Amino acid sequence: MRPLTPDQIKKLSTQDQQEYLEHLEAIHLASGKDSFLSFVGMVDCPGAPVTEPEPEVYYPQRLVPAAHHKLMIDAVQRIADGTDADIDGVITLCPPGASKSTYMSVLAPAWLMGRMPGTNMICCSYGQDLANRFGRRVRTICRSPEFSTIMGCGITGDNQAVDNWSLTNGSDFRAAGMGAAVTGFRANFLGLDDPLKGREEADSQVIRDKVYTGMVDDLFTRLKPGGKAFLTLTHWSED
């Protein structure tokens, strides 16, 4: 159906106007499923927690991506579309406060799991607490009515633990700290956000080697054939 001008819409009957608006809304929502950039503008992202600790409710915020965020969004889109089939994933290096985790470890997992039914997602960080924090934020988006309308799915009723939950379209999410057992889990997408806690750990050769070994031996081996990894971190060390 071709877009109508305002004058053409006014000439329609009330019922036809309603059907036309529903048609436009359906097109708009479909764009959120196909386009990561559109999805970002359609859902509220969890902001600051309402309560501490272990918050279940967050103040909502609607994001407006900056230029560097659009680079991240484009990278995720290309991976999801298979544009770069020969690339194993994306590494995002930004200083603290650049909102890299918001886009790569919160919004991207929600969009990928909703867009691609049956997606297995594993998200890891230096500690279980931080991994759980990401899990809560992703789960909050997936519980929202906007997500349900865009994706046509939601959280399953019998599997909602913060570190292990699933969607009604067959996708599932697993959160784990570095060194935690992920045996028995496989992933289409592996998210690794801040594998090192900060400068002190990054300056330790022993800890860097331990983290690297854990990434290669424990985490990357969980990827299914064709699986992709998203590494999101501050560039603390040349190593």
C-alpha atoms as a PDB file:
ATOM      1  CA  MET A   1       0.000   0.000   0.000  1.00  0.00           C
ATOM      2  CA  ARG A   2       1.368   3.412  -0.975  1.00  0.00           C
ATOM      3  CA  PRO A   3       1.498   6.107   1.745  1.00  0.00           C
ATOM      4  CA  LEU A   4      -1.485   8.445   1.696  1.00  0.00           C
ATOM      5  CA  THR A   5      -1.362  12.196   1.970  1.00  0.00           C
ATOM      6  CA  PRO A   6      -3.175  13.942   4.864  1.00  0.00           C
ATOM      7  CA  ASP A   7      -5.899  15.073   2.445  1.00  0.00           C
ATOM      8  CA  GLN A   8      -6.395  11.523   1.190  1.00  0.00           C
ATOM      9  CA  ILE A   9      -6.653  10.226   4.760  1.00  0.00           C
ATOM     10  CA  LYS A  10      -9.347  12.804   5.580  1.00  0.00           C
ATOM     11  CA  LYS A  11     -11.465  11.489   2.688  1.00  0.00           C
ATOM     12  CA  LEU A  12     -11.463   7.953   4.105  1.00  0.00           C
ATOM     13  CA  SER A  13     -14.257   6.640   6.264  1.00  0.00           C
ATOM     14  CA  THR A  14     -13.633   6.354  10.002  1.00  0.00           C
ATOM     15  CA  GLN A  15     -13.190   2.595   9.704  1.00  0.00           C
ATOM     16  CA  ASP A  16     -10.813   2.931   6.756  1.00  0.00           C
ATOM     17  CA  GLN A  17      -8.787   5.538   8.634  1.00  0.00           C
ATOM     18  CA  GLN A  18      -8.490   3.166  11.590  1.00  0.00           C
ATOM     19  CA  GLU A  19      -7.409   0.292   9.355  1.00  0.00           C
ATOM     20  CA  TYR A  20      -4.872   2.531   7.622  1.00  0.00           C
ATOM     21  CA  LEU A  21      -3.390   3.659  10.946  1.00  0.00           C
ATOM     22  CA  GLU A  22      -3.177   0.033  12.110  1.00  0.00           C
ATOM     23  CA  HIS A  23      -1.403  -0.787   8.863  1.00  0.00           C
ATOM     24  CA  LEU A  24       1.136   2.003   9.431  1.00  0.00           C
ATOM     25  CA  GLU A  25       1.679   0.869  13.017  1.00  0.00           C
ATOM     26  CA  ALA A  26       2.301  -2.692  11.842  1.00  0.00           C
ATOM     27  CA  ILE A  27       4.914  -1.445   9.375  1.00  0.00           C
ATOM     28  CA  HIS A  28       6.510   0.656  12.111  1.00  0.00           C
ATOM     29  CA  LEU A  29       6.695  -2.274  14.531  1.00  0.00           C
ATOM     30  CA  ALA A  30       8.058  -4.580  11.854  1.00  0.00           C
ATOM     31  CA  SER A  31      10.933  -2.158  11.373  1.00  0.00           C
ATOM     32  CA  GLY A  32      11.844  -2.624  15.049  1.00  0.00           C
ATOM     33  CA  LYS A  33      12.233  -6.348  14.527  1.00  0.00           C
ATOM     34  CA  ASP A  34      14.313  -5.973  11.391  1.00  0.00           C
ATOM     35  CA  SER A  35      16.357  -2.913  12.356  1.00  0.00           C
ATOM     36  CA  PHE A  36      18.425  -2.660  15.540  1.00  0.00           C
ATOM     37  CA  LEU A  37      18.504   1.123  15.211  1.00  0.00           C
ATOM     38  CA  SER A  38      14.712   1.269  15.047  1.00  0.00           C
ATOM     39  CA  PHE A  39      14.404  -1.133  18.000  1.00  0.00           C
ATOM     40  CA  VAL A  40      16.621   1.104  20.147  1.00  0.00           C
ATOM     41  CA  GLY A  41      14.219   3.984  19.580  1.00  0.00           C
ATOM     42  CA  MET A  42      11.105   1.937  20.357  1.00  0.00           C
ATOM     43  CA  VAL A  43      11.895   0.404  23.765  1.00  0.00           C
ATOM     44  CA  ASP A  44      12.721   1.881  27.149  1.00  0.00           C
ATOM     45  CA  CYS A  45      16.187   0.919  28.313  1.00  0.00           C
ATOM     46  CA  PRO A  46      16.590   0.228  32.049  1.00  0.00           C
ATOM     47  CA  GLY A  47      18.359   3.179  33.655  1.00  0.00           C
ATOM     48  CA  ALA A  48      19.169   3.670  37.326  1.00  0.00           C
ATOM     49  CA  PRO A  49      17.689   1.056  39.703  1.00  0.00           C
ATOM     50  CA  VAL A  50      14.690   2.088  41.786  1.00  0.00           C
ATOM     51  CA  THR A  51      15.907   0.036  44.755  1.00  0.00           C
ATOM     52  CA  GLU A  52      19.229  -1.384  45.893  1.00  0.00           C
ATOM     53  CA  PRO A  53      20.537  -4.028  46.152  1.00  0.00           C
ATOM     54  CA  GLU A  54      19.261  -6.645  43.707  1.00  0.00           C
ATOM     55  CA  PRO A  55      16.854  -4.281  41.947  1.00  0.00           C
ATOM     56  CA  GLU A  56      13.966  -5.641  39.940  1.00  0.00           C
ATOM     57  CA  VAL A  57      12.644  -2.255  38.799  1.00  0.00           C
ATOM     58  CA  TYR A  58      14.567   0.412  36.880  1.00  0.00           C
ATOM     59  CA  TYR A  59      13.776   3.954  35.866  1.00  0.00           C
ATOM     60  CA  PRO A  60      13.055   3.811  32.109  1.00  0.00           C
ATOM     61  CA  GLN A  61      15.028   5.888  29.646  1.00  0.00           C
ATOM     62  CA  ARG A  62      14.501   6.280  25.911  1.00  0.00           C
ATOM     63  CA  LEU A  63      17.882   6.518  24.217  1.00  0.00           C
ATOM     64  CA  VAL A  64      19.076   8.721  21.379  1.00  0.00           C
ATOM     65  CA  PRO A  65      22.223   7.096  19.929  1.00  0.00           C
ATOM     66  CA  ALA A  66      25.312   9.235  19.503  1.00  0.00           C
ATOM     67  CA  ALA A  67      27.688   8.796  16.568  1.00  0.00           C
ATOM     68  CA  HIS A  68      29.822   6.142  18.282  1.00  0.00           C
ATOM     69  CA  HIS A  69      26.696   4.262  19.362  1.00  0.00           C
ATOM     70  CA  LYS A  70      25.570   4.113  15.733  1.00  0.00           C
ATOM     71  CA  LEU A  71      28.849   2.389  14.871  1.00  0.00           C
ATOM     72  CA  MET A  72      28.041  -0.275  17.481  1.00  0.00           C
ATOM     73  CA  ILE A  73      24.465  -0.574  16.225  1.00  0.00           C
ATOM     74  CA  ASP A  74      25.660  -0.998  12.655  1.00  0.00           C
ATOM     75  CA  ALA A  75      28.132  -3.709  13.688  1.00  0.00           C
ATOM     76  CA  VAL A  76      25.413  -5.699  15.478  1.00  0.00           C
ATOM     77  CA  GLN A  77      23.068  -5.261  12.501  1.00  0.00           C
ATOM     78  CA  ARG A  78      25.687  -6.564  10.060  1.00  0.00           C
ATOM     79  CA  ILE A  79      26.323  -9.614  12.248  1.00  0.00           C
ATOM     80  CA  ALA A  80      22.593 -10.347  12.552  1.00  0.00           C
ATOM     81  CA  ASP A  81      22.007  -9.928   8.820  1.00  0.00           C
ATOM     82  CA  GLY A  82      24.948 -12.155   7.929  1.00  0.00           C
ATOM     83  CA  THR A  83      26.560  -9.340   5.971  1.00  0.00           C
ATOM     84  CA  ASP A  84      29.956 -10.272   7.400  1.00  0.00           C
ATOM     85  CA  ALA A  85      29.615 -14.050   7.557  1.00  0.00           C
ATOM     86  CA  ASP A  86      33.390 -14.533   7.712  1.00  0.00           C
ATOM     87  CA  ILE A  87      33.758 -12.322  10.817  1.00  0.00           C
ATOM     88  CA  ASP A  88      33.652 -14.061  14.195  1.00  0.00           C
ATOM     89  CA  GLY A  89      32.272 -11.128  16.171  1.00  0.00           C
ATOM     90  CA  VAL A  90      32.778  -7.574  17.361  1.00  0.00           C
ATOM     91  CA  ILE A  91      35.226  -6.032  19.838  1.00  0.00           C
ATOM     92  CA  THR A  92      34.118  -2.703  21.295  1.00  0.00           C
ATOM     93  CA  LEU A  93      36.834  -0.725  23.102  1.00  0.00           C
ATOM     94  CA  CYS A  94      35.613   2.459  24.803  1.00  0.00           C
ATOM     95  CA  PRO A  95      36.458   4.285  28.040  1.00  0.00           C
ATOM     96  CA  PRO A  96      34.134   4.061  31.060  1.00  0.00           C
ATOM     97  CA  GLY A  97      30.941   6.060  30.648  1.00  0.00           C
ATOM     98  CA  ALA A  98      30.641   5.644  26.879  1.00  0.00           C
ATOM     99  CA  SER A  99      27.416   3.564  27.219  1.00  0.00           C
ATOM    100  CA  LYS A 100      29.059   0.675  25.361  1.00  0.00           C
ATOM    101  CA  SER A 101      27.509  -1.895  27.702  1.00  0.00           C
ATOM    102  CA  THR A 102      24.039  -0.398  27.287  1.00  0.00           C
ATOM    103  CA  TYR A 103      24.072  -1.047  23.556  1.00  0.00           C
ATOM    104  CA  MET A 104      26.252  -4.168  23.291  1.00  0.00           C
ATOM    105  CA  SER A 105      25.315  -6.081  26.471  1.00  0.00           C
ATOM    106  CA  VAL A 106      21.728  -4.977  27.175  1.00  0.00           C
ATOM    107  CA  LEU A 107      19.928  -3.835  24.023  1.00  0.00           C
ATOM    108  CA  ALA A 108      21.721  -6.125  21.554  1.00  0.00           C
ATOM    109  CA  PRO A 109      20.979  -9.397  23.415  1.00  0.00           C
ATOM    110  CA  ALA A 110      17.294  -8.466  23.762  1.00  0.00           C
ATOM    111  CA  TRP A 111      16.990  -7.606  20.072  1.00  0.00           C
ATOM    112  CA  LEU A 112      18.881 -10.662  18.839  1.00  0.00           C
ATOM    113  CA  MET A 113      16.914 -13.073  21.022  1.00  0.00           C
ATOM    114  CA  GLY A 114      13.594 -11.594  19.929  1.00  0.00           C
ATOM    115  CA  ARG A 115      14.497 -11.279  16.257  1.00  0.00           C
ATOM    116  CA  MET A 116      15.937 -14.800  15.930  1.00  0.00           C
ATOM    117  CA  PRO A 117      13.771 -17.487  17.583  1.00  0.00           C
ATOM    118  CA  GLY A 118      15.712 -20.266  19.266  1.00  0.00           C
ATOM    119  CA  THR A 119      18.777 -18.104  19.936  1.00  0.00           C
ATOM    120  CA  ASN A 120      21.049 -19.257  22.770  1.00  0.00           C
ATOM    121  CA  MET A 121      22.758 -16.283  24.447  1.00  0.00           C
ATOM    122  CA  ILE A 122      25.540 -16.482  27.042  1.00  0.00           C
ATOM    123  CA  CYS A 123      26.658 -13.230  28.699  1.00  0.00           C
ATOM    124  CA  CYS A 124      29.711 -13.169  30.943  1.00  0.00           C
ATOM    125  CA  SER A 125      31.655 -10.627  32.982  1.00  0.00           C
ATOM    126  CA  TYR A 126      34.458 -10.569  35.572  1.00  0.00           C
ATOM    127  CA  GLY A 127      31.987 -11.490  38.319  1.00  0.00           C
ATOM    128  CA  GLN A 128      28.607 -13.145  38.672  1.00  0.00           C
ATOM    129  CA  ASP A 129      27.074 -10.022  40.227  1.00  0.00           C
ATOM    130  CA  LEU A 130      27.854  -7.877  37.179  1.00  0.00           C
ATOM    131  CA  ALA A 131      26.712 -10.625  34.810  1.00  0.00           C
ATOM    132  CA  ASN A 132      23.441 -10.844  36.757  1.00  0.00           C
ATOM    133  CA  ARG A 133      23.043  -7.073  36.497  1.00  0.00           C
ATOM    134  CA  PHE A 134      23.179  -7.329  32.717  1.00  0.00           C
ATOM    135  CA  GLY A 135      20.769 -10.259  32.861  1.00  0.00           C
ATOM    136  CA  ARG A 136      18.243  -8.207  34.826  1.00  0.00           C
ATOM    137  CA  ARG A 137      18.401  -5.323  32.396  1.00  0.00           C
ATOM    138  CA  VAL A 138      17.977  -7.523  29.346  1.00  0.00           C
ATOM    139  CA  ARG A 139      15.121  -9.349  31.054  1.00  0.00           C
ATOM    140  CA  THR A 140      13.446  -6.021  31.914  1.00  0.00           C
ATOM    141  CA  ILE A 141      13.377  -5.083  28.223  1.00  0.00           C
ATOM    142  CA  CYS A 142      12.027  -8.496  27.257  1.00  0.00           C
ATOM    143  CA  ARG A 143       9.245  -8.148  29.837  1.00  0.00           C
ATOM    144  CA  SER A 144       8.082  -4.825  28.422  1.00  0.00           C
ATOM    145  CA  PRO A 145       4.863  -4.518  26.393  1.00  0.00           C
ATOM    146  CA  GLU A 146       6.835  -2.744  23.650  1.00  0.00           C
ATOM    147  CA  PHE A 147       9.121  -5.756  23.241  1.00  0.00           C
ATOM    148  CA  SER A 148       6.177  -8.158  23.191  1.00  0.00           C
ATOM    149  CA  THR A 149       4.404  -6.106  20.527  1.00  0.00           C
ATOM    150  CA  ILE A 150       7.503  -5.762  18.336  1.00  0.00           C
ATOM    151  CA  MET A 151       8.756  -9.327  18.630  1.00  0.00           C
ATOM    152  CA  GLY A 152       5.547 -11.261  19.251  1.00  0.00           C
ATOM    153  CA  CYS A 153       7.031 -13.063  22.245  1.00  0.00           C
ATOM    154  CA  GLY A 154       7.850 -12.557  25.918  1.00  0.00           C
ATOM    155  CA  ILE A 155       9.355 -14.142  29.010  1.00  0.00           C
ATOM    156  CA  THR A 156       8.283 -17.721  29.748  1.00  0.00           C
ATOM    157  CA  GLY A 157       6.353 -18.129  32.966  1.00  0.00           C
ATOM    158  CA  ASP A 158       8.333 -21.044  34.381  1.00  0.00           C
ATOM    159  CA  ASN A 159      11.892 -19.859  33.707  1.00  0.00           C
ATOM    160  CA  GLN A 160      12.668 -16.333  34.916  1.00  0.00           C
ATOM    161  CA  ALA A 161      15.775 -16.633  37.130  1.00  0.00           C
ATOM    162  CA  VAL A 162      18.000 -13.632  36.591  1.00  0.00           C
ATOM    163  CA  ASP A 163      20.941 -15.757  35.461  1.00  0.00           C
ATOM    164  CA  ASN A 164      18.963 -18.248  33.388  1.00  0.00           C
ATOM    165  CA  TRP A 165      15.722 -17.341  31.652  1.00  0.00           C
ATOM    166  CA  SER A 166      14.000 -17.884  28.340  1.00  0.00           C
ATOM    167  CA  LEU A 167      11.544 -16.415  25.853  1.00  0.00           C
ATOM    168  CA  THR A 168       8.400 -17.953  24.467  1.00  0.00           C
ATOM    169  CA  ASN A 169      10.014 -18.048  21.003  1.00  0.00           C
ATOM    170  CA  GLY A 170      12.578 -20.609  22.205  1.00  0.00           C
ATOM    171  CA  SER A 171      15.474 -18.215  22.837  1.00  0.00           C
ATOM    172  CA  ASP A 172      17.287 -18.398  26.171  1.00  0.00           C
ATOM    173  CA  PHE A 173      19.731 -16.306  28.214  1.00  0.00           C
ATOM    174  CA  ARG A 174      22.509 -17.453  30.543  1.00  0.00           C
ATOM    175  CA  ALA A 175      24.550 -15.057  32.726  1.00  0.00           C
ATOM    176  CA  ALA A 176      27.844 -16.178  34.256  1.00  0.00           C
ATOM    177  CA  GLY A 177      30.943 -14.720  35.850  1.00  0.00           C
ATOM    178  CA  MET A 178      34.421 -15.562  34.606  1.00  0.00           C
ATOM    179  CA  GLY A 179      35.274 -19.029  35.861  1.00  0.00           C
ATOM    180  CA  ALA A 180      31.637 -19.999  36.425  1.00  0.00           C
ATOM    181  CA  ALA A 181      30.447 -23.264  34.988  1.00  0.00           C
ATOM    182  CA  VAL A 182      28.866 -22.935  31.570  1.00  0.00           C
ATOM    183  CA  THR A 183      29.317 -26.614  30.785  1.00  0.00           C
ATOM    184  CA  GLY A 184      26.267 -27.989  29.024  1.00  0.00           C
ATOM    185  CA  PHE A 185      25.334 -24.613  27.544  1.00  0.00           C
ATOM    186  CA  ARG A 186      25.906 -23.678  23.917  1.00  0.00           C
ATOM    187  CA  ALA A 187      25.595 -20.245  22.374  1.00  0.00           C
ATOM    188  CA  ASN A 188      24.757 -18.656  19.053  1.00  0.00           C
ATOM    189  CA  PHE A 189      26.008 -15.420  20.595  1.00  0.00           C
ATOM    190  CA  LEU A 190      28.527 -14.980  23.387  1.00  0.00           C
ATOM    191  CA  GLY A 191      28.686 -11.599  25.123  1.00  0.00           C
ATOM    192  CA  LEU A 192      31.749 -10.859  27.228  1.00  0.00           C
ATOM    193  CA  ASP A 193      31.602  -7.499  28.999  1.00  0.00           C
ATOM    194  CA  ASP A 194      34.484  -6.297  31.197  1.00  0.00           C
ATOM    195  CA  PRO A 195      36.396  -9.564  31.684  1.00  0.00           C
ATOM    196  CA  LEU A 196      38.843  -7.518  33.800  1.00  0.00           C
ATOM    197  CA  LYS A 197      37.549  -5.560  36.791  1.00  0.00           C
ATOM    198  CA  GLY A 198      39.807  -2.561  36.321  1.00  0.00           C
ATOM    199  CA  ARG A 199      43.329  -1.181  36.128  1.00  0.00           C
ATOM    200  CA  GLU A 200      44.719  -3.282  38.978  1.00  0.00           C
ATOM    201  CA  GLU A 201      43.703  -6.566  37.376  1.00  0.00           C
ATOM    202  CA  ALA A 202      44.758  -5.367  33.946  1.00  0.00           C
ATOM    203  CA  ASP A 203      48.243  -4.586  35.258  1.00  0.00           C
ATOM    204  CA  SER A 204      48.666  -8.153  36.529  1.00  0.00           C
ATOM    205  CA  GLN A 205      50.177 -10.557  33.999  1.00  0.00           C
ATOM    206  CA  VAL A 206      48.922 -13.487  36.081  1.00  0.00           C
ATOM    207  CA  ILE A 207      45.321 -12.302  36.037  1.00  0.00           C
ATOM    208  CA  ARG A 208      45.438 -11.337  32.364  1.00  0.00           C
ATOM    209  CA  ASP A 209      46.725 -14.797  31.448  1.00  0.00           C
ATOM    210  CA  LYS A 210      44.088 -16.456  33.641  1.00  0.00           C
ATOM    211  CA  VAL A 211      41.280 -14.434  32.034  1.00  0.00           C
ATOM    212  CA  TYR A 212      42.564 -15.095  28.522  1.00  0.00           C
ATOM    213  CA  THR A 213      42.794 -18.841  29.177  1.00  0.00           C
ATOM    214  CA  GLY A 214      39.260 -18.831  30.549  1.00  0.00           C
ATOM    215  CA  MET A 215      37.995 -16.977  27.475  1.00  0.00           C
ATOM    216  CA  VAL A 216      39.633 -19.370  25.025  1.00  0.00           C
ATOM    217  CA  ASP A 217      39.126 -22.669  26.855  1.00  0.00           C
ATOM    218  CA  ASP A 218      35.848 -22.170  28.722  1.00  0.00           C
ATOM    219  CA  LEU A 219      33.828 -19.560  26.827  1.00  0.00           C
ATOM    220  CA  PHE A 220      34.702 -19.597  23.140  1.00  0.00           C
ATOM    221  CA  THR A 221      34.321 -23.387  23.104  1.00  0.00           C
ATOM    222  CA  ARG A 222      30.647 -22.856  23.978  1.00  0.00           C
ATOM    223  CA  LEU A 223      29.961 -21.189  20.632  1.00  0.00           C
ATOM    224  CA  LYS A 224      27.977 -23.195  18.118  1.00  0.00           C
ATOM    225  CA  PRO A 225      29.297 -23.464  14.563  1.00  0.00           C
ATOM    226  CA  GLY A 226      28.903 -20.020  13.057  1.00  0.00           C
ATOM    227  CA  GLY A 227      28.405 -18.462  16.489  1.00  0.00           C
ATOM    228  CA  LYS A 228      29.524 -14.886  17.109  1.00  0.00           C
ATOM    229  CA  ALA A 229      31.224 -13.228  20.074  1.00  0.00           C
ATOM    230  CA  PHE A 230      30.736  -9.664  21.336  1.00  0.00           C
ATOM    231  CA  LEU A 231      33.612  -8.410  23.484  1.00  0.00           C
ATOM    232  CA  THR A 232      32.925  -5.127  25.227  1.00  0.00           C
ATOM    233  CA  LEU A 233      35.605  -3.604  27.442  1.00  0.00           C
ATOM    234  CA  THR A 234      37.801  -0.714  28.453  1.00  0.00           C
ATOM    235  CA  HIS A 235      41.245  -0.880  26.827  1.00  0.00           C
ATOM    236  CA  TRP A 236      43.151  -1.072  30.112  1.00  0.00           C
ATOM    237  CA  SER A 237      46.222  -2.828  28.736  1.00  0.00           C
ATOM    238  CA  GLU A 238      48.137  -3.142  25.482  1.00  0.00           C
ATOM    239  CA  ASP A 239      48.099  -6.894  26.117  1.00  0.00           C
END
